[in-house]
Amino acid sequence: MSYDESRIEEAVLALLATFSFDEGWAWKGFDFEIMDRLHAQGFISDPVGKAKSVWLTPQGLERGHEIAERLFGKPPADAG
């Protein structure tokens, strides 16, 4: 099966933002190619190196939270 790479990138960015800490740091346990593409788009710091985390840029954090809301957000509870 083939997958839409841009949708995978969106999901990874959403997960990075959702589980980020200290205003934008996230553990980098995702596919290297996806992380490299997110870096090339300016959403995260360079993932290459010994560090086990990456920093989400302000744009990456904002975009990641927007995607997470769309993909994982719960609808508001009925007030009825």
N, C-alpha and C. Protein backbone atom coordinates (compact mmCIF):
# COMPACT_ATOMS: atom_id res chain seq x y z
N MET A 1 0.84 -1.17 0.00
CA MET A 1 0.00 0.00 0.00
C MET A 1 0.89 1.24 0.00
N SER A 2 0.52 2.22 -0.76
CA SER A 2 1.27 3.48 -0.75
C SER A 2 0.53 4.49 0.12
N TYR A 3 1.29 5.41 0.68
CA TYR A 3 0.73 6.39 1.60
C TYR A 3 1.01 7.80 1.10
N ASP A 4 0.15 8.72 1.47
CA ASP A 4 0.30 10.13 1.15
C ASP A 4 1.32 10.71 2.12
N GLU A 5 2.53 10.98 1.64
CA GLU A 5 3.63 11.44 2.49
C GLU A 5 3.28 12.75 3.21
N SER A 6 2.57 13.65 2.57
CA SER A 6 2.24 14.92 3.22
C SER A 6 1.30 14.70 4.41
N ARG A 7 0.42 13.74 4.32
CA ARG A 7 -0.48 13.44 5.45
C ARG A 7 0.30 12.79 6.59
N ILE A 8 1.28 11.97 6.26
CA ILE A 8 2.13 11.38 7.30
C ILE A 8 2.93 12.47 7.99
N GLU A 9 3.50 13.41 7.20
CA GLU A 9 4.23 14.52 7.79
C GLU A 9 3.34 15.32 8.72
N GLU A 10 2.09 15.57 8.32
CA GLU A 10 1.15 16.30 9.16
C GLU A 10 0.90 15.56 10.46
N ALA A 11 0.71 14.25 10.38
CA ALA A 11 0.44 13.46 11.59
C ALA A 11 1.64 13.49 12.53
N VAL A 12 2.85 13.36 11.99
CA VAL A 12 4.05 13.39 12.83
C VAL A 12 4.19 14.76 13.47
N LEU A 13 4.00 15.83 12.71
CA LEU A 13 4.09 17.18 13.27
C LEU A 13 3.05 17.36 14.37
N ALA A 14 1.84 16.86 14.16
CA ALA A 14 0.79 16.96 15.17
C ALA A 14 1.19 16.22 16.44
N LEU A 15 1.77 15.03 16.30
CA LEU A 15 2.20 14.28 17.47
C LEU A 15 3.36 14.96 18.19
N LEU A 16 4.30 15.51 17.42
CA LEU A 16 5.41 16.24 18.04
C LEU A 16 4.88 17.42 18.86
N ALA A 17 3.94 18.17 18.30
CA ALA A 17 3.39 19.33 18.99
C ALA A 17 2.56 18.90 20.20
N THR A 18 1.77 17.86 20.05
CA THR A 18 0.91 17.40 21.13
C THR A 18 1.72 16.97 22.35
N PHE A 19 2.83 16.30 22.12
CA PHE A 19 3.62 15.78 23.22
C PHE A 19 4.88 16.60 23.48
N SER A 20 4.89 17.84 23.02
CA SER A 20 6.04 18.71 23.25
C SER A 20 6.06 19.17 24.71
N PHE A 21 7.24 19.62 25.14
CA PHE A 21 7.43 20.09 26.51
C PHE A 21 8.36 21.29 26.49
N ASP A 22 8.39 22.04 27.58
CA ASP A 22 9.27 23.22 27.69
C ASP A 22 9.16 24.14 26.49
N GLU A 23 7.94 24.43 26.09
CA GLU A 23 7.67 25.39 25.02
C GLU A 23 8.26 25.03 23.67
N GLY A 24 8.19 23.76 23.30
CA GLY A 24 8.56 23.41 21.94
C GLY A 24 9.54 22.27 21.76
N TRP A 25 10.03 21.66 22.82
CA TRP A 25 10.93 20.51 22.67
C TRP A 25 10.11 19.24 22.58
N ALA A 26 10.55 18.30 21.73
CA ALA A 26 9.85 17.03 21.57
C ALA A 26 10.85 15.92 21.31
N TRP A 27 10.53 14.73 21.78
CA TRP A 27 11.40 13.57 21.52
C TRP A 27 11.30 13.20 20.05
N LYS A 28 12.41 12.83 19.47
CA LYS A 28 12.45 12.60 18.02
C LYS A 28 12.44 11.12 17.65
N GLY A 29 11.44 10.40 18.03
CA GLY A 29 11.36 8.97 17.77
C GLY A 29 10.61 8.62 16.50
N PHE A 30 10.72 9.43 15.47
CA PHE A 30 10.00 9.17 14.22
C PHE A 30 10.99 8.91 13.09
N ASP A 31 10.47 8.45 11.98
CA ASP A 31 11.26 8.15 10.79
C ASP A 31 12.17 9.31 10.41
N PHE A 32 13.44 9.01 10.14
CA PHE A 32 14.44 10.04 9.83
C PHE A 32 14.07 10.87 8.61
N GLU A 33 13.56 10.24 7.58
CA GLU A 33 13.20 10.98 6.35
C GLU A 33 12.09 11.99 6.61
N ILE A 34 11.10 11.58 7.40
CA ILE A 34 10.01 12.50 7.73
C ILE A 34 10.55 13.67 8.55
N MET A 35 11.40 13.37 9.52
CA MET A 35 11.98 14.43 10.36
C MET A 35 12.81 15.39 9.50
N ASP A 36 13.56 14.85 8.55
CA ASP A 36 14.34 15.71 7.65
C ASP A 36 13.44 16.62 6.82
N ARG A 37 12.31 16.09 6.35
CA ARG A 37 11.39 16.91 5.56
C ARG A 37 10.74 17.99 6.42
N LEU A 38 10.40 17.67 7.65
CA LEU A 38 9.82 18.69 8.54
C LEU A 38 10.85 19.78 8.83
N HIS A 39 12.11 19.40 8.95
CA HIS A 39 13.18 20.39 9.14
C HIS A 39 13.31 21.26 7.89
N ALA A 40 13.29 20.65 6.73
CA ALA A 40 13.41 21.40 5.47
C ALA A 40 12.26 22.40 5.30
N GLN A 41 11.10 22.10 5.88
CA GLN A 41 9.96 23.00 5.80
C GLN A 41 9.98 24.06 6.88
N GLY A 42 10.98 24.00 7.77
CA GLY A 42 11.13 25.02 8.81
C GLY A 42 10.28 24.79 10.05
N PHE A 43 9.79 23.56 10.25
CA PHE A 43 8.93 23.29 11.40
C PHE A 43 9.69 22.80 12.63
N ILE A 44 10.88 22.19 12.43
CA ILE A 44 11.67 21.69 13.56
C ILE A 44 13.14 22.01 13.35
N SER A 45 13.89 21.93 14.45
CA SER A 45 15.34 22.10 14.35
C SER A 45 15.93 20.89 13.62
N ASP A 46 17.20 21.00 13.26
CA ASP A 46 17.86 19.91 12.53
C ASP A 46 17.86 18.65 13.38
N PRO A 47 17.25 17.57 12.90
CA PRO A 47 17.16 16.35 13.70
C PRO A 47 18.44 15.51 13.70
N VAL A 48 19.41 15.87 12.88
CA VAL A 48 20.64 15.10 12.78
C VAL A 48 21.52 15.43 13.98
N GLY A 49 22.01 14.42 14.64
CA GLY A 49 22.89 14.61 15.78
C GLY A 49 22.55 13.65 16.91
N LYS A 50 23.29 13.76 18.00
CA LYS A 50 23.14 12.84 19.12
C LYS A 50 21.97 13.18 20.04
N ALA A 51 21.48 14.40 19.96
CA ALA A 51 20.37 14.80 20.84
C ALA A 51 19.15 13.91 20.58
N LYS A 52 18.43 13.60 21.64
CA LYS A 52 17.25 12.75 21.50
C LYS A 52 15.98 13.55 21.34
N SER A 53 16.12 14.87 21.23
CA SER A 53 14.94 15.71 21.05
C SER A 53 15.21 16.74 19.95
N VAL A 54 14.14 17.32 19.46
CA VAL A 54 14.20 18.42 18.49
C VAL A 54 13.38 19.57 19.05
N TRP A 55 13.62 20.75 18.53
CA TRP A 55 12.86 21.93 18.93
C TRP A 55 11.91 22.27 17.82
N LEU A 56 10.64 22.46 18.16
CA LEU A 56 9.65 22.90 17.18
C LEU A 56 9.72 24.41 17.09
N THR A 57 9.84 24.92 15.88
CA THR A 57 9.84 26.37 15.68
C THR A 57 8.45 26.89 16.08
N PRO A 58 8.31 28.19 16.32
CA PRO A 58 6.98 28.71 16.64
C PRO A 58 5.95 28.34 15.56
N GLN A 59 6.36 28.39 14.29
CA GLN A 59 5.46 28.01 13.21
C GLN A 59 5.12 26.52 13.27
N GLY A 60 6.12 25.70 13.58
CA GLY A 60 5.90 24.26 13.68
C GLY A 60 4.97 23.91 14.83
N LEU A 61 5.17 24.57 15.96
CA LEU A 61 4.33 24.31 17.12
C LEU A 61 2.88 24.72 16.84
N GLU A 62 2.71 25.90 16.25
CA GLU A 62 1.36 26.38 15.93
C GLU A 62 0.68 25.46 14.92
N ARG A 63 1.39 25.14 13.84
CA ARG A 63 0.82 24.28 12.80
C ARG A 63 0.54 22.89 13.35
N GLY A 64 1.44 22.37 14.16
CA GLY A 64 1.25 21.05 14.77
C GLY A 64 0.02 20.99 15.65
N HIS A 65 -0.20 22.04 16.45
CA HIS A 65 -1.39 22.07 17.31
C HIS A 65 -2.66 22.18 16.47
N GLU A 66 -2.62 22.94 15.40
CA GLU A 66 -3.79 23.05 14.51
C GLU A 66 -4.13 21.68 13.91
N ILE A 67 -3.11 20.97 13.44
CA ILE A 67 -3.34 19.65 12.84
C ILE A 67 -3.83 18.67 13.90
N ALA A 68 -3.24 18.72 15.09
CA ALA A 68 -3.65 17.81 16.18
C ALA A 68 -5.11 18.03 16.52
N GLU A 69 -5.54 19.28 16.57
CA GLU A 69 -6.94 19.58 16.86
C GLU A 69 -7.84 18.96 15.79
N ARG A 70 -7.43 19.09 14.53
CA ARG A 70 -8.22 18.54 13.42
C ARG A 70 -8.24 17.02 13.45
N LEU A 71 -7.07 16.40 13.69
CA LEU A 71 -6.97 14.94 13.63
C LEU A 71 -7.45 14.24 14.90
N PHE A 72 -7.15 14.84 16.06
CA PHE A 72 -7.35 14.13 17.32
C PHE A 72 -8.35 14.79 18.26
N GLY A 73 -8.80 16.02 17.94
CA GLY A 73 -9.68 16.75 18.84
C GLY A 73 -11.03 16.09 19.02
N LYS A 74 -11.54 16.20 20.22
CA LYS A 74 -12.88 15.67 20.52
C LYS A 74 -13.88 16.79 20.26
N PRO A 75 -15.05 16.43 19.72
CA PRO A 75 -16.08 17.45 19.54
C PRO A 75 -16.57 17.91 20.91
N PRO A 76 -17.03 19.18 21.00
CA PRO A 76 -17.52 19.66 22.29
C PRO A 76 -18.71 18.84 22.78
N ALA A 77 -18.77 18.63 24.07
CA ALA A 77 -19.87 17.86 24.65
C ALA A 77 -21.17 18.64 24.48
N ASP A 78 -22.24 17.92 24.21
CA ASP A 78 -23.56 18.53 24.05
C ASP A 78 -23.99 19.17 25.35
N ALA A 79 -24.41 20.40 25.31
CA ALA A 79 -24.86 21.11 26.51
C ALA A 79 -26.32 20.79 26.83
N GLY A 80 -26.96 19.94 26.01
CA GLY A 80 -28.37 19.66 26.11
C GLY A 80 -28.73 18.80 27.21
